[in-house]
C-alpha atoms as a PDB file:
ATOM      1  CA  MET A   1     117.926  83.585  90.213  1.00  0.00           C
ATOM      2  CA  ASP A   2     118.439  86.616  92.445  1.00  0.00           C
ATOM      3  CA  TYR A   3     115.827  88.538  94.423  1.00  0.00           C
ATOM      4  CA  LYS A   4     115.320  91.227  91.768  1.00  0.00           C
ATOM      5  CA  ALA A   5     114.614  88.638  89.074  1.00  0.00           C
ATOM      6  CA  ALA A   6     112.364  86.719  91.483  1.00  0.00           C
ATOM      7  CA  ARG A   7     110.331  89.871  92.137  1.00  0.00           C
ATOM      8  CA  ILE A   8     109.942  90.507  88.401  1.00  0.00           C
ATOM      9  CA  TRP A   9     108.844  86.909  87.752  1.00  0.00           C
ATOM     10  CA  GLN A  10     106.499  87.020  90.716  1.00  0.00           C
ATOM     11  CA  ASN A  11     104.757  90.150  89.440  1.00  0.00           C
ATOM     12  CA  VAL A  12     104.553  88.888  85.862  1.00  0.00           C
ATOM     13  CA  LEU A  13     103.124  85.543  86.944  1.00  0.00           C
ATOM     14  CA  LEU A  14     100.655  87.031  89.420  1.00  0.00           C
ATOM     15  CA  PHE A  15      99.200  89.802  87.265  1.00  0.00           C
ATOM     16  CA  GLY A  16      99.583  87.853  84.020  1.00  0.00           C
ATOM     17  CA  GLY A  17      97.814  84.871  85.577  1.00  0.00           C
ATOM     18  CA  ALA A  18      94.989  87.079  86.818  1.00  0.00           C
ATOM     19  CA  ALA A  19      94.612  88.578  83.339  1.00  0.00           C
ATOM     20  CA  VAL A  20      94.715  85.187  81.612  1.00  0.00           C
ATOM     21  CA  SER A  21      92.129  83.793  84.043  1.00  0.00           C
ATOM     22  CA  ALA A  22      89.810  86.761  83.644  1.00  0.00           C
ATOM     23  CA  ILE A  23      90.042  86.766  79.850  1.00  0.00           C
ATOM     24  CA  GLY A  24      89.651  82.992  79.717  1.00  0.00           C
ATOM     25  CA  VAL A  25      86.470  83.014  81.766  1.00  0.00           C
ATOM     26  CA  TRP A  26      84.758  86.179  80.585  1.00  0.00           C
ATOM     27  CA  ALA A  27      85.804  86.480  76.937  1.00  0.00           C
ATOM     28  CA  PHE A  28      86.222  82.882  75.826  1.00  0.00           C
ATOM     29  CA  ASP A  29      84.201  81.027  78.471  1.00  0.00           C
ATOM     30  CA  SER A  30      87.022  78.488  78.600  1.00  0.00           C
ATOM     31  CA  MET A  31      87.857  76.526  81.736  1.00  0.00           C
ATOM     32  CA  PRO A  32      91.312  75.315  80.518  1.00  0.00           C
ATOM     33  CA  ILE A  33      92.476  78.894  79.912  1.00  0.00           C
ATOM     34  CA  MET A  34      91.237  79.861  83.377  1.00  0.00           C
ATOM     35  CA  LEU A  35      93.173  76.942  84.892  1.00  0.00           C
ATOM     36  CA  VAL A  36      96.353  78.029  83.094  1.00  0.00           C
ATOM     37  CA  GLY A  37      95.971  81.485  84.638  1.00  0.00           C
ATOM     38  CA  LEU A  38      95.348  79.957  88.047  1.00  0.00           C
ATOM     39  CA  GLY A  39      98.497  77.866  87.640  1.00  0.00           C
ATOM     40  CA  MET A  40     100.473  81.009  86.831  1.00  0.00           C
ATOM     41  CA  MET A  41      99.218  82.635  90.027  1.00  0.00           C
ATOM     42  CA  ILE A  42     100.172  79.546  92.049  1.00  0.00           C
ATOM     43  CA  PHE A  43     103.702  79.653  90.583  1.00  0.00           C
ATOM     44  CA  SER A  44     103.858  83.313  91.649  1.00  0.00           C
ATOM     45  CA  ILE A  45     103.112  82.267  95.233  1.00  0.00           C
ATOM     46  CA  ILE A  46     105.775  79.548  95.006  1.00  0.00           C
ATOM     47  CA  ALA A  47     108.336  82.133  93.805  1.00  0.00           C
ATOM     48  CA  TRP A  48     107.424  84.396  96.723  1.00  0.00           C
ATOM     49  CA  TRP A  49     107.685  81.520  99.208  1.00  0.00           C
ATOM     50  CA  ARG A  50     110.988  80.312  97.789  1.00  0.00           C
ATOM     51  CA  TYR A  51     112.959  83.543  97.373  1.00  0.00           C
ATOM     52  CA  TYR A  52     111.906  85.815 100.242  1.00  0.00           C
ATOM     53  CA  ARG A  53     113.702  83.968 103.043  1.00  0.00           C
ATOM     54  CA  CYS A  54     117.155  84.355 104.508  1.00  0.00           C
ATOM     55  CA  PRO A  55     119.342  81.648 102.917  1.00  0.00           C
ATOM     56  CA  LYS A  56     121.183  81.039 106.205  1.00  0.00           C
ATOM     57  CA  CYS A  57     118.489  80.966 108.881  1.00  0.00           C
ATOM     58  CA  GLY A  58     115.205  80.811 106.937  1.00  0.00           C
ATOM     59  CA  ALA A  59     113.713  83.999 108.413  1.00  0.00           C
ATOM     60  CA  TRP A  60     111.353  85.986 106.172  1.00  0.00           C
ATOM     61  CA  LEU A  61     112.848  88.972 104.363  1.00  0.00           C
ATOM     62  CA  ALA A  62     110.979  92.254 104.545  1.00  0.00           C
ATOM     63  CA  SER A  63     111.227  95.593 102.798  1.00  0.00           C
ATOM     64  CA  THR A  64     111.546  97.343 106.161  1.00  0.00           C
ATOM     65  CA  PRO A  65     114.158  96.420 108.747  1.00  0.00           C
ATOM     66  CA  GLU A  66     113.025  94.572 111.850  1.00  0.00           C
ATOM     67  CA  PRO A  67     113.020  96.373 115.162  1.00  0.00           C
ATOM     68  CA  GLU A  68     116.174  95.547 117.105  1.00  0.00           C
ATOM     69  CA  GLN A  69     114.266  94.007 120.015  1.00  0.00           C
ATOM     70  CA  LYS A  70     112.251  91.665 117.773  1.00  0.00           C
ATOM     71  CA  LYS A  71     115.374  90.693 115.835  1.00  0.00           C
ATOM     72  CA  LYS A  72     117.087  89.516 119.037  1.00  0.00           C
ATOM     73  CA  ILE A  73     114.099  87.377 119.989  1.00  0.00           C
ATOM     74  CA  GLN A  74     113.605  85.874 116.525  1.00  0.00           C
ATOM     75  CA  HIS A  75     117.256  84.985 115.896  1.00  0.00           C
ATOM     76  CA  LYS A  76     118.156  84.038 119.445  1.00  0.00           C
ATOM     77  CA  LYS A  77     118.191  80.264 118.862  1.00  0.00           C
ATOM     78  CA  LYS A  78     119.358  80.345 115.242  1.00  0.00           C
ATOM     79  CA  LYS A  79     123.073  80.699 114.625  1.00  0.00           C
ATOM     80  CA  HIS A  80     124.480  81.760 111.267  1.00  0.00           C
END
């Protein structure tokens, strides 16, 4: 799975899980449905944790580039 697919799955699982949990609790008053939604949200967090790191050094990926000074400090000990 690439980063674009991971982002799509993360959003679907997060917002879908929130919707399933809310509908399960408020509309059906069902604890198992709420737990399924909670599980979906947890899988969303796992997808975020798994796919938003550099595959070589393990540093977190961000949508904005790091400042050059911080990048030197963070990657000083890690060699690619």
